[in-house]
Structure formats: C-alpha cells, structure tokens
Amino acid sequence: MLQSSSYLKIHPSVYVWARLPLTLDVLIGADLLLLPVDACVSHLTALHWYGVEIGTTTARHYSTNTTAQTRLAGVRLHRRRGTLSPRIVRGVPVLGPDRTLVDCATQLSPNDLVGAGDWLVRQRLTSPATLQTYAQERHLDGVVRARRTTPLVRSRVDSVTETDVRLILYTSRLPEPEVNGTIVDARGRFLARGDLVYRVLMIVIEYDGWHHERSADQRQRDILRRERLEAAGWRVIIITGKDLAHPTSIVARVWQAMVDAGYRGTPPLPLRDV
C-alpha cells in the first residue's frame, strides 16, 4: 500500500496520504517522528509557527541539546549548548518568542527583525520591554543585532507595513511618530485611530493597503474618515505600496508637512540601514 500512488514518502519510514496538503503542520509532525526526543521548533520555523509570516527559508529549523545530526530532507538541526526550554504551542514543542526573535536575528534583516518583534508583541506573546531585557541578558548567536533592534519594537502595531514606514522615518532621523494613536476633536469626540501620528503637529500618516480596494464599503469609510480628520485641522498623508519603493519621497513629504505645521527641528538625514 505504501508503494502505491495513494501515499507520499516524506522521510525514510514516514509516509502521508497523497491527497493530504503538505502544510507546515504536517511537515513538522513528520520531522519530529525522526528527530531527537528533545528537538523543538526554532528560528524562522518557530516564528512562522507563531503566525508571524516574515522571512523565508528553504529548511525547517529545529534545536536540540543532543549531539545528534540529521540528513532529513528539508530539515536543519541546530545543536545548542545552553539548556532549551520549549513551550507547547498547538501540540508542538517550540522555543519561546523571545528566544525565537534572537535566533532569527541570524536570518532576518534588521528591518524584518523589528517587524517580527512588533508582530509578536501584537499577538501578546511578549512585550517590547521583555524582548529588550532578554536580548541584553543572553549571550547567543544573533544577540548583537537583536540588542540593536529590540529597542525599536513597539506595541499596538497593526501591520508590518506600519513598521516599514516608521523605520523609514527613523532612519532619516525624523522624530518618531506615535503608533496607532487615538485622535479626538476639540470636544473630545473620537475621530480616528491614526497609523502614525504627530500629535502636536496634527499630522497623521496612513498606509492605504491594496486590500482596501476589494471593498467599496471600506473605501467609503476611509474617505469619510479622512474628511473628518481634515475638517478638524489634521494633515493626512497617505502612503501606498508603490510609495514604499521610494522611501526618500516618503521622508520628503512628511518633512514638508512638518515644516508647514511649524516644525523647526533638524532636517532629515540621508536614509541608512537600521
């Protein structure tokens, strides 16, 4: 039966029904059958298991305290010296979110690392302070980059794109905007939650995602929302996906709005890496 077309061979002695989609859940389940008993999901694979779809890898990553090696196809086994303390997430042993972010610092760009941290915090798996403390107190591969980027992780971030825009402003040395700030009118009535807010200057920066184009109702709500903000004296800057390919233009637009609002601080510097 196993040699028939009804089954697919994943690893030696490990088969699945051929019609079963090869999801990450299925592949991890197959891997763990043959890996050391203490093996736990780690690195980018752990990040994806937590629901943070940032970064790509051609292998599924696991960590072990044993000296075991593996030649399983599609599997990378990391032998770790320090005692591992996995948690069970959806029935699978996974390294904690703080350790995972540090491990991913060896695989992700600084910007993606901040975005991953923002999203782990968004899912209430950790906090900016906890991530920062963990990176400062550990001596692991990737910890140098993690120490540099975890201070940039913020709460209340709604999307990775918000992180991208915020980091563009940060790298230009403009003041950091408030993340998802609540905006009210002169009477204290709710107007909106702004993606990125310069409250004193009354500037709000919004990312207009392509998904909004799929809903006429959503577009109508966005238009009315913008009209309310502008009627209350707020300057609204809309950033689209195409704008992200031209970060210098984003900085120039935000800087001009700040100057128009009376800002007299230091002009932005040329963009640099985080």
Protein backbone atom coordinates (compact mmCIF):
# COMPACT_ATOMS: atom_id res chain seq x y z
CA MET A 1 0.00 0.00 0.00
CA LEU A 2 2.79 2.47 0.88
CA GLN A 3 4.33 1.94 -2.55
CA SER A 4 1.08 2.87 -4.28
CA SER A 5 0.18 6.36 -5.53
CA SER A 6 -2.10 6.79 -2.52
CA TYR A 7 0.84 7.63 -0.25
CA LEU A 8 3.72 10.08 -0.40
CA LYS A 9 7.09 9.43 1.21
CA ILE A 10 8.25 12.37 3.38
CA HIS A 11 11.21 10.73 5.09
CA PRO A 12 12.52 7.16 5.33
CA SER A 13 9.70 5.19 7.01
CA VAL A 14 7.45 8.28 7.18
CA TYR A 15 4.54 8.47 4.72
CA VAL A 16 1.44 10.63 4.36
CA TRP A 17 -1.75 10.23 2.40
CA ALA A 18 -1.04 11.67 -1.06
CA ARG A 19 -4.10 13.91 -1.01
CA LEU A 20 -3.14 15.50 2.30
CA PRO A 21 -1.85 19.06 1.75
CA LEU A 22 1.79 19.33 2.85
CA THR A 23 1.22 22.15 5.32
CA LEU A 24 3.81 23.24 7.87
CA ASP A 25 1.83 21.29 10.49
CA VAL A 26 2.15 18.05 8.51
CA LEU A 27 5.84 18.51 7.73
CA ILE A 28 6.74 19.34 11.34
CA GLY A 29 4.81 16.32 12.54
CA ALA A 30 6.74 14.13 10.11
CA ASP A 31 10.10 15.65 11.09
CA LEU A 32 9.59 15.21 14.82
CA LEU A 33 8.98 11.48 14.39
CA LEU A 34 12.65 11.03 13.44
CA LEU A 35 14.42 13.88 15.25
CA PRO A 36 15.88 13.59 18.79
CA VAL A 37 13.29 13.38 21.54
CA ASP A 38 14.19 16.85 22.83
CA ALA A 39 14.05 18.52 19.40
CA CYS A 40 11.94 21.66 19.29
CA VAL A 41 10.93 24.05 16.54
CA SER A 42 13.21 27.09 16.35
CA HIS A 43 14.45 30.03 14.27
CA LEU A 44 12.27 31.13 11.33
CA THR A 45 10.20 27.96 11.53
CA ALA A 46 9.22 28.87 15.10
CA LEU A 47 8.46 32.44 14.01
CA HIS A 48 6.12 31.13 11.33
CA TRP A 49 4.57 28.67 13.79
CA TYR A 50 3.70 31.67 15.98
CA GLY A 51 1.88 33.16 12.99
CA VAL A 52 4.49 35.74 12.00
CA GLU A 53 4.99 35.25 8.27
CA ILE A 54 8.19 37.24 7.90
CA GLY A 55 11.26 35.86 6.17
CA THR A 56 11.67 32.76 4.03
CA THR A 57 13.77 29.65 4.46
CA THR A 58 14.39 26.55 2.39
CA ALA A 59 14.65 24.40 5.52
CA ARG A 60 12.59 23.73 8.63
CA HIS A 61 14.65 24.61 11.69
CA TYR A 62 14.87 22.67 14.97
CA SER A 63 17.12 22.85 18.02
CA THR A 64 18.44 20.10 20.29
CA ASN A 65 20.73 19.72 23.28
CA THR A 66 21.98 16.38 21.98
CA THR A 67 24.94 15.86 19.66
CA ALA A 68 22.68 14.30 17.05
CA GLN A 69 22.93 15.15 13.38
CA THR A 70 20.39 14.64 10.65
CA ARG A 71 20.25 14.22 6.91
CA LEU A 72 16.49 14.52 6.67
CA ALA A 73 15.48 16.40 3.54
CA GLY A 74 14.38 19.95 4.23
CA VAL A 75 15.48 19.86 7.88
CA ARG A 76 18.17 21.88 9.67
CA LEU A 77 19.03 20.71 13.19
CA HIS A 78 20.88 23.18 15.44
CA ARG A 79 22.87 21.73 18.33
CA ARG A 80 22.64 24.16 21.26
CA ARG A 81 24.83 24.29 24.35
CA GLY A 82 22.50 26.08 26.73
CA THR A 83 19.54 24.18 28.13
CA LEU A 84 16.50 24.61 25.93
CA SER A 85 13.15 25.49 27.48
CA PRO A 86 10.48 24.95 24.83
CA ARG A 87 6.79 25.56 25.28
CA ILE A 88 3.99 23.50 23.73
CA VAL A 89 2.19 25.50 21.05
CA ARG A 90 -0.65 23.72 19.23
CA GLY A 91 0.79 20.39 20.33
CA VAL A 92 4.34 21.08 19.17
CA PRO A 93 7.45 21.94 21.26
CA VAL A 94 8.60 25.41 20.21
CA LEU A 95 11.22 27.75 21.63
CA GLY A 96 9.74 30.84 23.27
CA PRO A 97 9.04 34.02 21.30
CA ASP A 98 11.89 35.98 22.91
CA ARG A 99 14.47 33.27 22.14
CA THR A 100 12.97 32.89 18.67
CA LEU A 101 13.46 36.56 17.85
CA VAL A 102 17.11 36.40 18.92
CA ASP A 103 17.66 33.25 16.86
CA CYS A 104 16.01 34.91 13.86
CA ALA A 105 18.49 37.78 14.10
CA THR A 106 20.90 35.44 12.30
CA GLN A 107 18.44 35.06 9.41
CA LEU A 108 16.47 38.32 9.08
CA SER A 109 17.40 41.84 8.05
CA PRO A 110 17.24 44.46 10.83
CA ASN A 111 14.01 45.91 9.43
CA ASP A 112 12.35 42.49 9.23
CA LEU A 113 13.56 41.73 12.74
CA VAL A 114 11.81 44.84 14.09
CA GLY A 115 8.69 43.89 12.15
CA ALA A 116 8.77 40.37 13.63
CA GLY A 117 9.12 41.83 17.11
CA ASP A 118 6.22 44.21 16.52
CA TRP A 119 4.02 41.32 15.42
CA LEU A 120 4.97 39.04 18.31
CA VAL A 121 4.00 41.87 20.65
CA ARG A 122 0.80 42.48 18.70
CA GLN A 123 -0.19 38.86 19.35
CA ARG A 124 0.52 39.35 23.06
CA LEU A 125 3.21 36.70 23.05
CA THR A 126 5.72 39.09 24.60
CA SER A 127 6.32 42.80 25.19
CA PRO A 128 8.89 45.35 23.95
CA ALA A 129 10.47 45.51 27.42
CA THR A 130 10.68 41.72 27.71
CA LEU A 131 12.31 41.39 24.29
CA GLN A 132 14.82 44.08 25.14
CA THR A 133 15.69 42.57 28.52
CA TYR A 134 16.05 39.08 27.05
CA ALA A 135 18.46 40.31 24.38
CA GLN A 136 20.54 42.22 26.92
CA GLU A 137 20.84 39.29 29.34
CA ARG A 138 21.62 36.48 26.87
CA HIS A 139 24.79 35.53 25.03
CA LEU A 140 23.55 33.77 21.93
CA ASP A 141 24.14 33.87 18.20
CA GLY A 142 22.32 36.89 16.81
CA VAL A 143 22.14 38.75 20.11
CA VAL A 144 24.23 41.71 18.90
CA ARG A 145 21.75 42.54 16.16
CA ALA A 146 18.84 41.80 18.50
CA ARG A 147 20.21 44.27 21.05
CA ARG A 148 20.32 46.92 18.35
CA THR A 149 16.81 46.30 17.02
CA THR A 150 14.65 45.34 20.02
CA PRO A 151 14.63 48.95 21.32
CA LEU A 152 12.72 49.79 18.12
CA VAL A 153 9.92 47.29 18.76
CA ARG A 154 6.60 48.96 19.64
CA SER A 155 3.17 47.99 20.94
CA ARG A 156 -0.14 48.43 19.08
CA VAL A 157 1.35 47.99 15.60
CA ASP A 158 -1.38 46.77 13.25
CA SER A 159 0.70 45.70 10.26
CA VAL A 160 4.24 45.04 9.11
CA THR A 161 3.84 47.91 6.65
CA GLU A 162 3.34 50.36 9.50
CA THR A 163 6.69 49.16 10.81
CA ASP A 164 8.28 49.74 7.41
CA VAL A 165 7.05 53.35 7.23
CA ARG A 166 8.03 54.04 10.84
CA LEU A 167 11.56 52.71 10.23
CA ILE A 168 11.90 54.85 7.10
CA LEU A 169 11.22 57.92 9.26
CA TYR A 170 13.54 56.61 11.98
CA THR A 171 16.46 56.06 9.62
CA SER A 172 16.08 59.62 8.34
CA ARG A 173 16.35 60.81 11.96
CA LEU A 174 12.92 62.47 11.96
CA PRO A 175 11.07 62.42 15.31
CA GLU A 176 9.33 59.11 15.98
CA PRO A 177 5.57 59.27 15.48
CA GLU A 178 3.06 57.77 17.88
CA VAL A 179 1.87 54.33 16.81
CA ASN A 180 -1.89 53.87 16.34
CA GLY A 181 -2.75 56.94 18.35
CA THR A 182 -6.35 57.81 19.17
CA ILE A 183 -7.42 61.14 17.65
CA VAL A 184 -10.29 63.19 19.07
CA ASP A 185 -11.80 66.54 18.11
CA ALA A 186 -11.86 69.72 20.19
CA ARG A 187 -14.80 68.35 22.20
CA GLY A 188 -13.04 65.07 22.92
CA ARG A 189 -15.14 63.08 20.48
CA PHE A 190 -13.45 60.16 18.74
CA LEU A 191 -12.36 60.83 15.16
CA ALA A 192 -10.00 58.03 14.27
CA ARG A 193 -7.03 55.89 15.17
CA GLY A 194 -4.07 57.02 13.12
CA ASP A 195 -1.43 54.56 11.94
CA LEU A 196 1.38 57.01 12.73
CA VAL A 197 0.61 60.27 14.50
CA TYR A 198 2.49 63.51 15.12
CA ARG A 199 0.02 64.80 17.67
CA VAL A 200 1.41 68.28 18.34
CA LEU A 201 1.82 68.99 14.62
CA MET A 202 -1.61 67.46 13.85
CA ILE A 203 -0.20 65.17 11.17
CA VAL A 204 -1.36 61.61 10.64
CA ILE A 205 0.33 59.14 8.28
CA GLU A 206 -1.85 56.36 6.93
CA TYR A 207 -0.98 53.29 4.90
CA ASP A 208 -3.55 52.60 2.19
CA GLY A 209 -3.24 48.87 1.60
CA TRP A 210 -4.27 47.15 -1.63
CA HIS A 211 -6.81 45.09 0.32
CA HIS A 212 -8.95 48.20 0.76
CA GLU A 213 -9.51 48.22 -3.00
CA ARG A 214 -11.50 44.99 -2.62
CA SER A 215 -14.24 46.61 -0.58
CA ALA A 216 -16.29 49.60 -1.71
CA ASP A 217 -17.66 49.94 1.81
CA GLN A 218 -14.16 50.08 3.28
CA ARG A 219 -13.12 52.72 0.75
CA GLN A 220 -16.17 54.80 1.61
CA ARG A 221 -15.38 54.58 5.32
CA ASP A 222 -11.79 55.62 4.64
CA ILE A 223 -12.89 58.66 2.64
CA LEU A 224 -15.33 59.82 5.33
CA ARG A 225 -12.71 59.23 7.99
CA ARG A 226 -10.19 61.35 6.12
CA GLU A 227 -12.75 64.13 5.65
CA ARG A 228 -13.44 64.17 9.40
CA LEU A 229 -9.74 64.42 10.19
CA GLU A 230 -9.12 67.22 7.69
CA ALA A 231 -12.19 69.12 8.85
CA ALA A 232 -10.74 69.00 12.38
CA GLY A 233 -7.48 70.52 11.13
CA TRP A 234 -5.37 67.38 10.68
CA ARG A 235 -2.98 66.90 7.76
CA VAL A 236 -3.39 63.39 6.36
CA ILE A 237 -0.53 61.78 4.42
CA ILE A 238 -1.47 58.63 2.52
CA ILE A 239 1.26 56.06 1.82
CA THR A 240 0.69 53.32 -0.76
CA GLY A 241 2.58 50.20 -1.66
CA LYS A 242 4.25 51.97 -4.57
CA ASP A 243 5.48 54.69 -2.23
CA LEU A 244 7.46 52.12 -0.24
CA ALA A 245 9.72 51.65 -3.26
CA HIS A 246 10.70 55.32 -2.93
CA PRO A 247 11.42 55.91 0.77
CA THR A 248 13.19 59.21 0.14
CA SER A 249 9.95 60.58 -1.29
CA ILE A 250 8.06 59.49 1.83
CA VAL A 251 10.54 61.33 4.04
CA ALA A 252 10.32 64.45 1.87
CA ARG A 253 6.51 64.51 2.05
CA VAL A 254 6.45 64.03 5.81
CA TRP A 255 9.17 66.64 6.32
CA GLN A 256 7.31 69.21 4.20
CA ALA A 257 4.11 68.60 6.17
CA MET A 258 6.03 69.07 9.42
CA VAL A 259 7.55 72.35 8.19
CA ASP A 260 4.12 73.55 7.03
CA ALA A 261 2.82 72.80 10.54
CA GLY A 262 5.53 74.97 12.08
CA TYR A 263 8.19 72.39 12.90
CA ARG A 264 11.66 73.91 13.17
CA GLY A 265 13.71 70.87 14.09
CA THR A 266 16.68 69.31 12.33
CA PRO A 267 16.08 68.37 8.67
CA PRO A 268 16.12 64.66 7.79
CA LEU A 269 19.40 62.93 7.06
CA PRO A 270 20.05 60.61 4.10
CA LEU A 271 18.46 57.22 4.66
CA ARG A 272 20.59 54.50 6.24
CA ASP A 273 20.14 50.93 7.48
CA VAL A 274 18.65 50.29 10.90
